[in-house]
Amino acid sequence: TGATGNRVTGVNLVRGFESLPLRCVARRFVIQQHAARTLHFDFRLQVGRVLKSWAVPKGLSTDPSVKRLAVQVGDHALSHADYEGPRVIIWDRGTWRALTKGSVNRALDEGHLSFWLEGEKLRGGWTLQRTSAGAKPQWLIIKRRD
């Protein structure tokens, strides 16, 4: 289930957690390997009740000297974090926390978010830095020196 713009499509966004305050539910992340026209990775961070999403052609690097392109795409429903299909596998998943102080939405609006991933494969800090705006904003995702 996908989205266009900031409007999320799909049903049952939080599946069983509807009555809990958001601060009680750990923020999830998922990296899905997607064999579309070209192989790429979909990087998704739970922000509130949606997954903020980026297409990362070469995946996240674990080398702080390497900057990877991340093209922001529409928000997805939380249920999409568990999606696997004929062309999509879950490459990594876990929880994340913001390293940037203040609101995550404000940090994304301002074009700079640093965060820590606790995944099955990846663990450590990364930064998303917006480099251009528009219909599909472009970002760099950069491994932090932990």
N, C-alpha and C. Protein backbone atom coordinates (compact mmCIF):
# COMPACT_ATOMS: atom_id res chain seq x y z
N THR A 1 0.86 -1.17 0.00
CA THR A 1 0.00 0.00 0.00
C THR A 1 0.89 1.22 0.00
N GLY A 2 0.68 2.17 -0.87
CA GLY A 2 1.55 3.33 -0.97
C GLY A 2 0.80 4.60 -0.74
N ALA A 3 1.43 5.71 -1.14
CA ALA A 3 0.84 7.01 -0.93
C ALA A 3 1.32 7.95 -2.01
N THR A 4 0.58 9.00 -2.19
CA THR A 4 1.01 10.07 -3.07
C THR A 4 1.04 11.32 -2.25
N GLY A 5 2.10 12.10 -2.39
CA GLY A 5 2.23 13.31 -1.58
C GLY A 5 2.31 12.93 -0.11
N ASN A 6 1.59 13.66 0.72
CA ASN A 6 1.60 13.36 2.14
C ASN A 6 0.38 12.55 2.56
N ARG A 7 -0.47 12.16 1.63
CA ARG A 7 -1.67 11.41 1.95
C ARG A 7 -1.36 9.91 1.98
N VAL A 8 -1.59 9.29 3.10
CA VAL A 8 -1.30 7.86 3.24
C VAL A 8 -2.52 7.07 2.81
N THR A 9 -2.28 6.03 2.03
CA THR A 9 -3.36 5.12 1.66
C THR A 9 -3.17 3.84 2.43
N GLY A 10 -4.20 3.07 2.57
CA GLY A 10 -4.11 1.81 3.30
C GLY A 10 -5.03 1.85 4.50
N VAL A 11 -5.17 0.72 5.12
CA VAL A 11 -6.07 0.63 6.26
C VAL A 11 -5.31 0.11 7.47
N ASN A 12 -5.88 0.35 8.65
CA ASN A 12 -5.35 -0.18 9.90
C ASN A 12 -3.88 0.17 10.08
N LEU A 13 -3.59 1.47 10.14
CA LEU A 13 -2.22 1.94 10.15
C LEU A 13 -1.38 1.40 11.30
N VAL A 14 -1.95 1.16 12.46
CA VAL A 14 -1.13 0.74 13.58
C VAL A 14 -1.42 -0.67 14.08
N ARG A 15 -2.33 -1.37 13.51
CA ARG A 15 -2.59 -2.78 13.79
C ARG A 15 -2.41 -3.18 15.24
N GLY A 16 -3.40 -2.86 16.06
CA GLY A 16 -3.38 -3.32 17.43
C GLY A 16 -2.82 -2.33 18.42
N PHE A 17 -2.20 -1.26 17.96
CA PHE A 17 -1.62 -0.28 18.87
C PHE A 17 -2.42 1.01 18.92
N GLU A 18 -3.64 0.99 18.36
CA GLU A 18 -4.43 2.21 18.23
C GLU A 18 -4.67 2.92 19.55
N SER A 19 -4.81 2.18 20.66
CA SER A 19 -5.14 2.80 21.92
C SER A 19 -3.92 3.28 22.70
N LEU A 20 -2.72 2.93 22.26
CA LEU A 20 -1.52 3.34 22.98
C LEU A 20 -1.03 4.70 22.50
N PRO A 21 -0.54 5.55 23.41
CA PRO A 21 0.10 6.78 22.96
C PRO A 21 1.32 6.43 22.12
N LEU A 22 1.64 7.27 21.13
CA LEU A 22 2.77 6.96 20.24
C LEU A 22 4.07 6.80 21.00
N ARG A 23 4.26 7.53 22.11
CA ARG A 23 5.53 7.43 22.84
C ARG A 23 5.72 6.05 23.46
N CYS A 24 4.66 5.24 23.58
CA CYS A 24 4.75 3.90 24.16
C CYS A 24 5.13 2.85 23.12
N VAL A 25 5.06 3.17 21.86
CA VAL A 25 5.35 2.22 20.81
C VAL A 25 6.72 2.56 20.23
N ALA A 26 7.64 1.57 20.22
CA ALA A 26 8.97 1.80 19.67
C ALA A 26 8.86 2.18 18.21
N ARG A 27 9.68 3.13 17.78
CA ARG A 27 9.72 3.49 16.36
C ARG A 27 10.40 2.38 15.59
N ARG A 28 9.78 1.98 14.51
CA ARG A 28 10.31 0.90 13.68
C ARG A 28 11.03 1.46 12.46
N PHE A 29 11.96 0.67 11.94
CA PHE A 29 12.50 0.95 10.62
C PHE A 29 12.55 -0.35 9.86
N VAL A 30 12.55 -0.25 8.55
CA VAL A 30 12.69 -1.43 7.71
C VAL A 30 13.46 -1.03 6.46
N ILE A 31 14.28 -1.95 5.97
CA ILE A 31 14.95 -1.80 4.68
C ILE A 31 14.50 -2.98 3.84
N GLN A 32 13.83 -2.67 2.73
CA GLN A 32 13.32 -3.71 1.84
C GLN A 32 14.13 -3.69 0.54
N GLN A 33 14.64 -4.85 0.16
CA GLN A 33 15.33 -4.97 -1.13
C GLN A 33 14.25 -5.17 -2.17
N HIS A 34 14.25 -4.32 -3.20
CA HIS A 34 13.17 -4.28 -4.17
C HIS A 34 13.73 -4.49 -5.58
N ALA A 35 13.38 -5.60 -6.18
CA ALA A 35 13.83 -5.91 -7.54
C ALA A 35 12.80 -5.36 -8.52
N ALA A 36 12.79 -4.04 -8.69
CA ALA A 36 11.91 -3.39 -9.66
C ALA A 36 12.67 -3.34 -10.99
N ARG A 37 12.41 -2.30 -11.82
CA ARG A 37 13.17 -2.18 -13.07
C ARG A 37 14.66 -2.24 -12.80
N THR A 38 15.08 -1.60 -11.72
CA THR A 38 16.46 -1.71 -11.25
C THR A 38 16.42 -2.09 -9.78
N LEU A 39 17.36 -2.90 -9.36
CA LEU A 39 17.43 -3.31 -7.97
C LEU A 39 17.75 -2.09 -7.11
N HIS A 40 16.99 -1.90 -6.04
CA HIS A 40 17.26 -0.82 -5.10
C HIS A 40 16.74 -1.24 -3.73
N PHE A 41 16.97 -0.37 -2.76
CA PHE A 41 16.52 -0.62 -1.40
C PHE A 41 15.55 0.48 -0.99
N ASP A 42 14.45 0.09 -0.35
CA ASP A 42 13.48 1.05 0.19
C ASP A 42 13.77 1.17 1.69
N PHE A 43 14.14 2.37 2.10
CA PHE A 43 14.47 2.65 3.50
C PHE A 43 13.29 3.37 4.11
N ARG A 44 12.77 2.85 5.22
CA ARG A 44 11.56 3.42 5.81
C ARG A 44 11.74 3.61 7.32
N LEU A 45 11.39 4.80 7.79
CA LEU A 45 11.42 5.14 9.21
C LEU A 45 10.01 5.45 9.68
N GLN A 46 9.61 4.85 10.78
CA GLN A 46 8.31 5.19 11.37
C GLN A 46 8.41 6.57 12.00
N VAL A 47 7.56 7.45 11.54
CA VAL A 47 7.43 8.79 12.11
C VAL A 47 5.95 8.99 12.37
N GLY A 48 5.59 9.00 13.65
CA GLY A 48 4.17 9.05 13.98
C GLY A 48 3.51 7.77 13.54
N ARG A 49 2.44 7.91 12.77
CA ARG A 49 1.66 6.74 12.36
C ARG A 49 1.87 6.37 10.89
N VAL A 50 3.01 6.80 10.32
CA VAL A 50 3.34 6.46 8.93
C VAL A 50 4.81 6.06 8.83
N LEU A 51 5.16 5.48 7.70
CA LEU A 51 6.55 5.21 7.36
C LEU A 51 7.01 6.26 6.36
N LYS A 52 7.95 7.11 6.78
CA LYS A 52 8.61 8.02 5.84
C LYS A 52 9.55 7.14 5.01
N SER A 53 9.61 7.38 3.71
CA SER A 53 10.26 6.41 2.82
C SER A 53 11.20 7.07 1.82
N TRP A 54 12.30 6.37 1.55
CA TRP A 54 13.29 6.79 0.57
C TRP A 54 13.71 5.58 -0.25
N ALA A 55 13.89 5.77 -1.55
CA ALA A 55 14.48 4.75 -2.42
C ALA A 55 15.98 5.00 -2.45
N VAL A 56 16.76 4.00 -2.08
CA VAL A 56 18.22 4.13 -2.00
C VAL A 56 18.81 3.13 -3.00
N PRO A 57 19.27 3.63 -4.16
CA PRO A 57 19.72 2.72 -5.22
C PRO A 57 20.78 1.72 -4.80
N LYS A 58 21.75 2.13 -3.99
CA LYS A 58 22.84 1.24 -3.62
C LYS A 58 22.75 0.76 -2.17
N GLY A 59 21.69 1.11 -1.47
CA GLY A 59 21.55 0.72 -0.07
C GLY A 59 22.39 1.59 0.84
N LEU A 60 22.20 1.44 2.15
CA LEU A 60 22.94 2.22 3.13
C LEU A 60 24.36 1.70 3.21
N SER A 61 25.32 2.60 3.29
CA SER A 61 26.71 2.24 3.43
C SER A 61 27.08 2.18 4.91
N THR A 62 28.01 1.33 5.26
CA THR A 62 28.54 1.31 6.62
C THR A 62 29.88 2.04 6.70
N ASP A 63 30.28 2.67 5.61
CA ASP A 63 31.53 3.44 5.53
C ASP A 63 31.21 4.93 5.62
N PRO A 64 31.67 5.62 6.68
CA PRO A 64 31.36 7.04 6.83
C PRO A 64 31.86 7.93 5.69
N SER A 65 32.81 7.46 4.89
CA SER A 65 33.31 8.29 3.79
C SER A 65 32.43 8.19 2.54
N VAL A 66 31.44 7.30 2.57
CA VAL A 66 30.57 7.07 1.40
C VAL A 66 29.22 7.74 1.62
N LYS A 67 28.82 8.57 0.67
CA LYS A 67 27.51 9.23 0.70
C LYS A 67 26.64 8.56 -0.34
N ARG A 68 25.45 8.14 0.06
CA ARG A 68 24.55 7.45 -0.86
C ARG A 68 23.32 8.30 -1.15
N LEU A 69 22.88 8.27 -2.41
CA LEU A 69 21.66 8.95 -2.82
C LEU A 69 20.45 8.27 -2.20
N ALA A 70 19.50 9.07 -1.72
CA ALA A 70 18.22 8.57 -1.20
C ALA A 70 17.13 9.49 -1.74
N VAL A 71 16.24 8.96 -2.57
CA VAL A 71 15.17 9.75 -3.17
C VAL A 71 13.91 9.54 -2.34
N GLN A 72 13.40 10.64 -1.78
CA GLN A 72 12.20 10.53 -0.94
C GLN A 72 10.99 10.21 -1.80
N VAL A 73 10.21 9.25 -1.33
CA VAL A 73 8.97 8.86 -2.00
C VAL A 73 7.83 9.06 -1.01
N GLY A 74 6.63 8.75 -1.42
CA GLY A 74 5.46 8.98 -0.57
C GLY A 74 5.49 8.17 0.71
N ASP A 75 4.79 8.67 1.72
CA ASP A 75 4.63 7.95 2.98
C ASP A 75 3.89 6.65 2.74
N HIS A 76 4.15 5.65 3.57
CA HIS A 76 3.48 4.37 3.50
C HIS A 76 2.83 4.06 4.84
N ALA A 77 1.81 3.22 4.82
CA ALA A 77 1.15 2.76 6.03
C ALA A 77 2.13 1.90 6.83
N LEU A 78 1.99 1.89 8.15
CA LEU A 78 2.86 1.08 9.01
C LEU A 78 2.82 -0.40 8.64
N SER A 79 1.70 -0.87 8.17
CA SER A 79 1.59 -2.28 7.81
C SER A 79 2.56 -2.66 6.69
N HIS A 80 3.03 -1.68 5.92
CA HIS A 80 3.96 -1.96 4.82
C HIS A 80 5.32 -2.42 5.33
N ALA A 81 5.62 -2.17 6.61
CA ALA A 81 6.91 -2.59 7.19
C ALA A 81 7.07 -4.10 7.17
N ASP A 82 5.97 -4.82 7.13
CA ASP A 82 6.02 -6.29 7.13
C ASP A 82 5.86 -6.89 5.74
N TYR A 83 5.76 -6.05 4.71
CA TYR A 83 5.45 -6.54 3.37
C TYR A 83 6.66 -7.23 2.74
N GLU A 84 6.44 -8.43 2.22
CA GLU A 84 7.35 -9.12 1.34
C GLU A 84 6.52 -9.69 0.20
N GLY A 85 7.10 -9.76 -0.96
CA GLY A 85 6.38 -10.27 -2.12
C GLY A 85 7.36 -10.84 -3.11
N PRO A 86 6.89 -11.13 -4.34
CA PRO A 86 7.76 -11.76 -5.34
C PRO A 86 9.01 -10.94 -5.65
N ARG A 87 8.92 -9.61 -5.55
CA ARG A 87 10.06 -8.76 -5.90
C ARG A 87 10.61 -7.97 -4.71
N VAL A 88 10.07 -8.24 -3.52
CA VAL A 88 10.44 -7.47 -2.32
C VAL A 88 10.77 -8.43 -1.18
N ILE A 89 11.96 -8.24 -0.57
CA ILE A 89 12.29 -8.98 0.64
C ILE A 89 12.69 -7.98 1.72
N ILE A 90 12.46 -8.36 2.96
CA ILE A 90 12.92 -7.52 4.07
C ILE A 90 14.40 -7.83 4.26
N TRP A 91 15.24 -6.81 4.03
CA TRP A 91 16.69 -6.97 4.14
C TRP A 91 17.14 -6.74 5.58
N ASP A 92 16.51 -5.78 6.25
CA ASP A 92 16.81 -5.51 7.66
C ASP A 92 15.61 -4.83 8.28
N ARG A 93 15.49 -4.96 9.60
CA ARG A 93 14.42 -4.29 10.33
C ARG A 93 14.84 -4.18 11.78
N GLY A 94 14.19 -3.25 12.47
CA GLY A 94 14.50 -3.05 13.89
C GLY A 94 13.84 -1.78 14.38
N THR A 95 14.49 -1.15 15.35
CA THR A 95 13.98 0.09 15.91
C THR A 95 15.00 1.20 15.65
N TRP A 96 14.53 2.43 15.81
CA TRP A 96 15.42 3.57 15.60
C TRP A 96 15.07 4.67 16.59
N ARG A 97 16.05 5.54 16.80
CA ARG A 97 15.82 6.73 17.64
C ARG A 97 16.52 7.92 17.00
N ALA A 98 15.94 9.07 17.20
CA ALA A 98 16.51 10.30 16.65
C ALA A 98 17.72 10.73 17.48
N LEU A 99 18.76 11.17 16.81
CA LEU A 99 19.91 11.80 17.46
C LEU A 99 19.78 13.31 17.39
N THR A 100 19.05 13.79 16.38
CA THR A 100 18.77 15.21 16.23
C THR A 100 17.79 15.61 17.33
N LYS A 101 18.05 16.71 18.01
CA LYS A 101 17.16 17.19 19.07
C LYS A 101 15.90 17.80 18.46
N GLY A 102 14.80 17.70 19.20
CA GLY A 102 13.54 18.31 18.76
C GLY A 102 12.70 17.36 17.95
N SER A 103 11.75 17.92 17.25
CA SER A 103 10.76 17.16 16.49
C SER A 103 11.40 16.52 15.25
N VAL A 104 11.10 15.25 15.04
CA VAL A 104 11.58 14.55 13.85
C VAL A 104 10.96 15.17 12.60
N ASN A 105 9.67 15.49 12.66
CA ASN A 105 9.03 16.12 11.49
C ASN A 105 9.68 17.46 11.17
N ARG A 106 10.01 18.24 12.19
CA ARG A 106 10.68 19.53 11.94
C ARG A 106 12.05 19.29 11.32
N ALA A 107 12.79 18.31 11.83
CA ALA A 107 14.11 18.00 11.29
C ALA A 107 14.01 17.61 9.81
N LEU A 108 13.02 16.79 9.48
CA LEU A 108 12.83 16.41 8.08
C LEU A 108 12.42 17.61 7.23
N ASP A 109 11.54 18.45 7.76
CA ASP A 109 11.14 19.66 7.04
C ASP A 109 12.34 20.57 6.78
N GLU A 110 13.26 20.62 7.76
CA GLU A 110 14.46 21.46 7.62
C GLU A 110 15.56 20.78 6.82
N GLY A 111 15.39 19.48 6.51
CA GLY A 111 16.32 18.80 5.62
C GLY A 111 17.52 18.15 6.27
N HIS A 112 17.46 17.87 7.58
CA HIS A 112 18.61 17.24 8.24
C HIS A 112 18.12 16.43 9.44
N LEU A 113 18.34 15.10 9.40
CA LEU A 113 17.97 14.23 10.50
C LEU A 113 19.10 13.24 10.74
N SER A 114 19.58 13.20 11.98
CA SER A 114 20.54 12.17 12.39
C SER A 114 19.80 11.19 13.29
N PHE A 115 20.14 9.90 13.14
CA PHE A 115 19.39 8.87 13.85
C PHE A 115 20.28 7.65 14.10
N TRP A 116 19.82 6.80 15.02
CA TRP A 116 20.51 5.57 15.39
C TRP A 116 19.61 4.39 15.05
N LEU A 117 20.15 3.41 14.33
CA LEU A 117 19.41 2.20 13.98
C LEU A 117 19.87 1.04 14.87
N GLU A 118 18.92 0.25 15.33
CA GLU A 118 19.18 -1.01 16.05
C GLU A 118 18.49 -2.11 15.25
N GLY A 119 19.17 -2.63 14.26
CA GLY A 119 18.57 -3.62 13.38
C GLY A 119 19.15 -5.01 13.57
N GLU A 120 18.65 -5.94 12.78
CA GLU A 120 19.17 -7.29 12.79
C GLU A 120 20.55 -7.33 12.12
N LYS A 121 20.77 -6.46 11.12
CA LYS A 121 22.06 -6.39 10.41
C LYS A 121 22.79 -5.10 10.71
N LEU A 122 22.08 -3.98 10.67
CA LEU A 122 22.71 -2.67 10.84
C LEU A 122 22.53 -2.16 12.26
N ARG A 123 23.59 -1.56 12.78
CA ARG A 123 23.54 -0.90 14.09
C ARG A 123 24.47 0.29 14.02
N GLY A 124 23.96 1.46 14.40
CA GLY A 124 24.80 2.64 14.42
C GLY A 124 24.05 3.87 13.98
N GLY A 125 24.82 4.96 13.80
CA GLY A 125 24.24 6.24 13.45
C GLY A 125 24.39 6.57 11.98
N TRP A 126 23.37 7.23 11.44
CA TRP A 126 23.37 7.73 10.07
C TRP A 126 22.76 9.12 10.07
N THR A 127 22.98 9.86 9.00
CA THR A 127 22.38 11.17 8.80
C THR A 127 21.73 11.22 7.44
N LEU A 128 20.53 11.77 7.39
CA LEU A 128 19.86 12.11 6.13
C LEU A 128 20.00 13.61 5.94
N GLN A 129 20.55 14.03 4.80
CA GLN A 129 20.74 15.45 4.47
C GLN A 129 20.10 15.72 3.12
N ARG A 130 19.07 16.58 3.11
CA ARG A 130 18.40 16.90 1.84
C ARG A 130 19.32 17.77 0.98
N THR A 131 19.41 17.42 -0.30
CA THR A 131 20.24 18.18 -1.23
C THR A 131 19.40 18.94 -2.26
N SER A 132 18.16 18.49 -2.49
CA SER A 132 17.27 19.22 -3.41
C SER A 132 15.82 18.91 -3.04
N ALA A 133 14.96 19.90 -3.27
CA ALA A 133 13.54 19.75 -2.98
C ALA A 133 12.81 19.37 -4.26
N GLY A 134 11.50 19.49 -4.25
CA GLY A 134 10.71 19.19 -5.44
C GLY A 134 9.75 18.05 -5.18
N ALA A 135 9.20 17.50 -6.26
CA ALA A 135 8.22 16.43 -6.15
C ALA A 135 8.82 15.19 -5.50
N LYS A 136 10.07 14.88 -5.81
CA LYS A 136 10.77 13.75 -5.18
C LYS A 136 12.11 14.26 -4.66
N PRO A 137 12.08 14.81 -3.44
CA PRO A 137 13.32 15.40 -2.89
C PRO A 137 14.46 14.39 -2.84
N GLN A 138 15.66 14.90 -3.13
CA GLN A 138 16.84 14.05 -3.07
C GLN A 138 17.59 14.34 -1.78
N TRP A 139 18.08 13.28 -1.18
CA TRP A 139 18.82 13.34 0.07
C TRP A 139 20.10 12.55 -0.09
N LEU A 140 21.04 12.79 0.80
CA LEU A 140 22.20 11.91 0.97
C LEU A 140 22.01 11.20 2.29
N ILE A 141 22.31 9.91 2.32
CA ILE A 141 22.33 9.18 3.59
C ILE A 141 23.77 8.80 3.86
N ILE A 142 24.25 9.20 5.04
CA ILE A 142 25.67 9.12 5.36
C ILE A 142 25.84 8.41 6.70
N LYS A 143 26.74 7.44 6.74
CA LYS A 143 27.05 6.75 8.00
C LYS A 143 27.81 7.71 8.91
N ARG A 144 27.42 7.79 10.17
CA ARG A 144 28.13 8.61 11.15
C ARG A 144 29.29 7.80 11.72
N ARG A 145 30.27 8.50 12.21
CA ARG A 145 31.40 7.82 12.90
C ARG A 145 30.93 7.52 14.33
N ASP A 146 30.75 6.25 14.62
CA ASP A 146 30.20 5.85 15.93
C ASP A 146 31.31 5.72 16.97
